[in-house]
Amino acid sequence: MNTDSRIGIPDTDGLRYVGRVGTGFTEPMLESLTRKLERLSRKTSPFTDTLTTAQRKDAHWVTPRLVGEVGFTEWTTANLLRHPTWRGLRTDKNPEDVRRE
């Protein structure tokens, strides 16, 4: 099971790509998240950014309706998350409530 998930943050133009998170998942968490994401499947990227070939490689796109919490060390100069770690879904937040911290 692929745990390398592309993540984004809403901004004024739409959903902005901020990197990939591939650690912090437990097996039960992955199984539950996979079931939820399968229902949101789509054919095209939801990001407003043009992603590189490497960023798109093996991607399975979903409609952004879930909010996840990710820990990270800092923002890079390219506005990507450095060392992101999955913490879990945030059922108490809507995607439009998410802001860059």
C-alpha atoms as a PDB file:
ATOM      1  CA  MET A   1       0.000   0.000   0.000  1.00  0.00           C
ATOM      2  CA  ASN A   2       1.408   3.392  -1.003  1.00  0.00           C
ATOM      3  CA  THR A   3       1.690   5.775   1.942  1.00  0.00           C
ATOM      4  CA  ASP A   4       3.196   8.624  -0.059  1.00  0.00           C
ATOM      5  CA  SER A   5       0.324  11.113  -0.128  1.00  0.00           C
ATOM      6  CA  ARG A   6       0.337  14.461  -1.906  1.00  0.00           C
ATOM      7  CA  ILE A   7      -1.085  17.222   0.248  1.00  0.00           C
ATOM      8  CA  GLY A   8      -2.272  20.755  -0.301  1.00  0.00           C
ATOM      9  CA  ILE A   9      -3.535  23.861   1.427  1.00  0.00           C
ATOM     10  CA  PRO A  10      -6.370  26.032   0.135  1.00  0.00           C
ATOM     11  CA  ASP A  11      -5.418  29.553  -0.905  1.00  0.00           C
ATOM     12  CA  THR A  12      -7.133  32.309  -2.871  1.00  0.00           C
ATOM     13  CA  ASP A  13      -6.561  30.531  -6.218  1.00  0.00           C
ATOM     14  CA  GLY A  14      -7.573  27.026  -5.106  1.00  0.00           C
ATOM     15  CA  LEU A  15      -5.669  24.104  -3.623  1.00  0.00           C
ATOM     16  CA  ARG A  16      -1.906  24.697  -3.505  1.00  0.00           C
ATOM     17  CA  TYR A  17       0.465  21.711  -3.476  1.00  0.00           C
ATOM     18  CA  VAL A  18       2.710  21.677  -0.390  1.00  0.00           C
ATOM     19  CA  GLY A  19       4.448  18.303  -0.678  1.00  0.00           C
ATOM     20  CA  ARG A  20       4.138  14.654   0.205  1.00  0.00           C
ATOM     21  CA  VAL A  21       3.723  12.926   3.507  1.00  0.00           C
ATOM     22  CA  GLY A  22       4.818   9.305   3.755  1.00  0.00           C
ATOM     23  CA  THR A  23       5.328   8.618   7.431  1.00  0.00           C
ATOM     24  CA  GLY A  24       3.218   8.540  10.592  1.00  0.00           C
ATOM     25  CA  PHE A  25       0.564   6.150   9.272  1.00  0.00           C
ATOM     26  CA  THR A  26      -0.491   3.013  11.151  1.00  0.00           C
ATOM     27  CA  GLU A  27      -1.881   0.037   9.238  1.00  0.00           C
ATOM     28  CA  PRO A  28      -5.457   0.538  10.555  1.00  0.00           C
ATOM     29  CA  MET A  29      -5.207   4.249   9.732  1.00  0.00           C
ATOM     30  CA  LEU A  30      -4.099   3.450   6.170  1.00  0.00           C
ATOM     31  CA  GLU A  31      -6.947   0.997   5.647  1.00  0.00           C
ATOM     32  CA  SER A  32      -9.545   3.492   6.872  1.00  0.00           C
ATOM     33  CA  LEU A  33      -8.049   6.387   4.886  1.00  0.00           C
ATOM     34  CA  THR A  34      -7.842   4.279   1.722  1.00  0.00           C
ATOM     35  CA  ARG A  35     -11.562   3.435   1.939  1.00  0.00           C
ATOM     36  CA  LYS A  36     -12.457   7.110   2.384  1.00  0.00           C
ATOM     37  CA  LEU A  37     -10.189   8.298  -0.427  1.00  0.00           C
ATOM     38  CA  GLU A  38     -11.460   5.674  -2.895  1.00  0.00           C
ATOM     39  CA  ARG A  39     -14.896   7.307  -2.718  1.00  0.00           C
ATOM     40  CA  LEU A  40     -13.344  10.682  -3.639  1.00  0.00           C
ATOM     41  CA  SER A  41     -11.402   9.434  -6.665  1.00  0.00           C
ATOM     42  CA  ARG A  42     -11.053  11.674  -9.711  1.00  0.00           C
ATOM     43  CA  LYS A  43      -9.056  11.627 -12.957  1.00  0.00           C
ATOM     44  CA  THR A  44      -7.295  14.995 -12.707  1.00  0.00           C
ATOM     45  CA  SER A  45      -5.125  16.773 -10.165  1.00  0.00           C
ATOM     46  CA  PRO A  46      -7.019  19.014  -7.734  1.00  0.00           C
ATOM     47  CA  PHE A  47      -4.001  21.320  -7.364  1.00  0.00           C
ATOM     48  CA  THR A  48      -3.793  24.732  -9.023  1.00  0.00           C
ATOM     49  CA  ASP A  49      -0.017  24.299  -9.344  1.00  0.00           C
ATOM     50  CA  THR A  50       1.556  22.536 -12.304  1.00  0.00           C
ATOM     51  CA  LEU A  51       3.269  19.566 -10.688  1.00  0.00           C
ATOM     52  CA  THR A  52       6.526  18.121 -11.966  1.00  0.00           C
ATOM     53  CA  THR A  53       6.683  14.637 -13.446  1.00  0.00           C
ATOM     54  CA  ALA A  54       8.215  13.373 -10.196  1.00  0.00           C
ATOM     55  CA  GLN A  55       5.461  14.993  -8.118  1.00  0.00           C
ATOM     56  CA  ARG A  56       2.764  13.396 -10.328  1.00  0.00           C
ATOM     57  CA  LYS A  57       4.399   9.940 -10.520  1.00  0.00           C
ATOM     58  CA  ASP A  58       2.035   7.161  -9.378  1.00  0.00           C
ATOM     59  CA  ALA A  59      -0.541   9.689  -8.156  1.00  0.00           C
ATOM     60  CA  HIS A  60      -4.160   8.732  -7.573  1.00  0.00           C
ATOM     61  CA  TRP A  61      -6.115  11.986  -7.442  1.00  0.00           C
ATOM     62  CA  VAL A  62      -9.012  12.676  -5.097  1.00  0.00           C
ATOM     63  CA  THR A  63     -11.459  15.522  -4.608  1.00  0.00           C
ATOM     64  CA  PRO A  64     -10.242  17.490  -1.563  1.00  0.00           C
ATOM     65  CA  ARG A  65     -13.000  16.971   1.001  1.00  0.00           C
ATOM     66  CA  LEU A  66     -10.978  15.604   3.947  1.00  0.00           C
ATOM     67  CA  VAL A  67      -8.705  17.537   6.306  1.00  0.00           C
ATOM     68  CA  GLY A  68      -5.568  15.942   7.659  1.00  0.00           C
ATOM     69  CA  GLU A  69      -3.186  17.178  10.312  1.00  0.00           C
ATOM     70  CA  VAL A  70       0.501  17.005   9.460  1.00  0.00           C
ATOM     71  CA  GLY A  71       3.482  17.840  11.652  1.00  0.00           C
ATOM     72  CA  PHE A  72       6.576  19.257   9.928  1.00  0.00           C
ATOM     73  CA  THR A  73       9.865  20.943  10.774  1.00  0.00           C
ATOM     74  CA  GLU A  74       9.643  24.047   8.566  1.00  0.00           C
ATOM     75  CA  TRP A  75       8.609  25.523   5.225  1.00  0.00           C
ATOM     76  CA  THR A  76      11.194  25.264   2.452  1.00  0.00           C
ATOM     77  CA  THR A  77      12.096  28.178   0.186  1.00  0.00           C
ATOM     78  CA  ALA A  78       9.915  26.466  -2.465  1.00  0.00           C
ATOM     79  CA  ASN A  79       6.918  26.675  -0.059  1.00  0.00           C
ATOM     80  CA  LEU A  80       6.870  22.926   0.575  1.00  0.00           C
ATOM     81  CA  LEU A  81       6.719  21.177   3.944  1.00  0.00           C
ATOM     82  CA  ARG A  82      10.028  19.831   5.228  1.00  0.00           C
ATOM     83  CA  HIS A  83       9.827  16.395   6.921  1.00  0.00           C
ATOM     84  CA  PRO A  84       6.020  16.113   7.060  1.00  0.00           C
ATOM     85  CA  THR A  85       4.545  13.432   9.346  1.00  0.00           C
ATOM     86  CA  TRP A  86       0.911  12.335   9.265  1.00  0.00           C
ATOM     87  CA  ARG A  87      -0.959  12.881  12.541  1.00  0.00           C
ATOM     88  CA  GLY A  88      -4.503  11.993  11.483  1.00  0.00           C
ATOM     89  CA  LEU A  89      -7.757  13.209  10.022  1.00  0.00           C
ATOM     90  CA  ARG A  90      -9.406  16.311  11.465  1.00  0.00           C
ATOM     91  CA  THR A  91     -13.141  15.646  11.391  1.00  0.00           C
ATOM     92  CA  ASP A  92     -13.711  18.896  13.306  1.00  0.00           C
ATOM     93  CA  LYS A  93     -12.494  21.040  10.360  1.00  0.00           C
ATOM     94  CA  ASN A  94     -13.753  21.717   6.867  1.00  0.00           C
ATOM     95  CA  PRO A  95     -11.280  22.074   3.980  1.00  0.00           C
ATOM     96  CA  GLU A  96     -12.221  25.745   3.494  1.00  0.00           C
ATOM     97  CA  ASP A  97     -11.231  26.450   7.144  1.00  0.00           C
ATOM     98  CA  VAL A  98      -7.628  25.320   6.629  1.00  0.00           C
ATOM     99  CA  ARG A  99      -4.936  28.016   6.505  1.00  0.00           C
ATOM    100  CA  ARG A 100      -1.156  27.962   6.316  1.00  0.00           C
ATOM    101  CA  GLU A 101       0.357  28.134   9.811  1.00  0.00           C
END
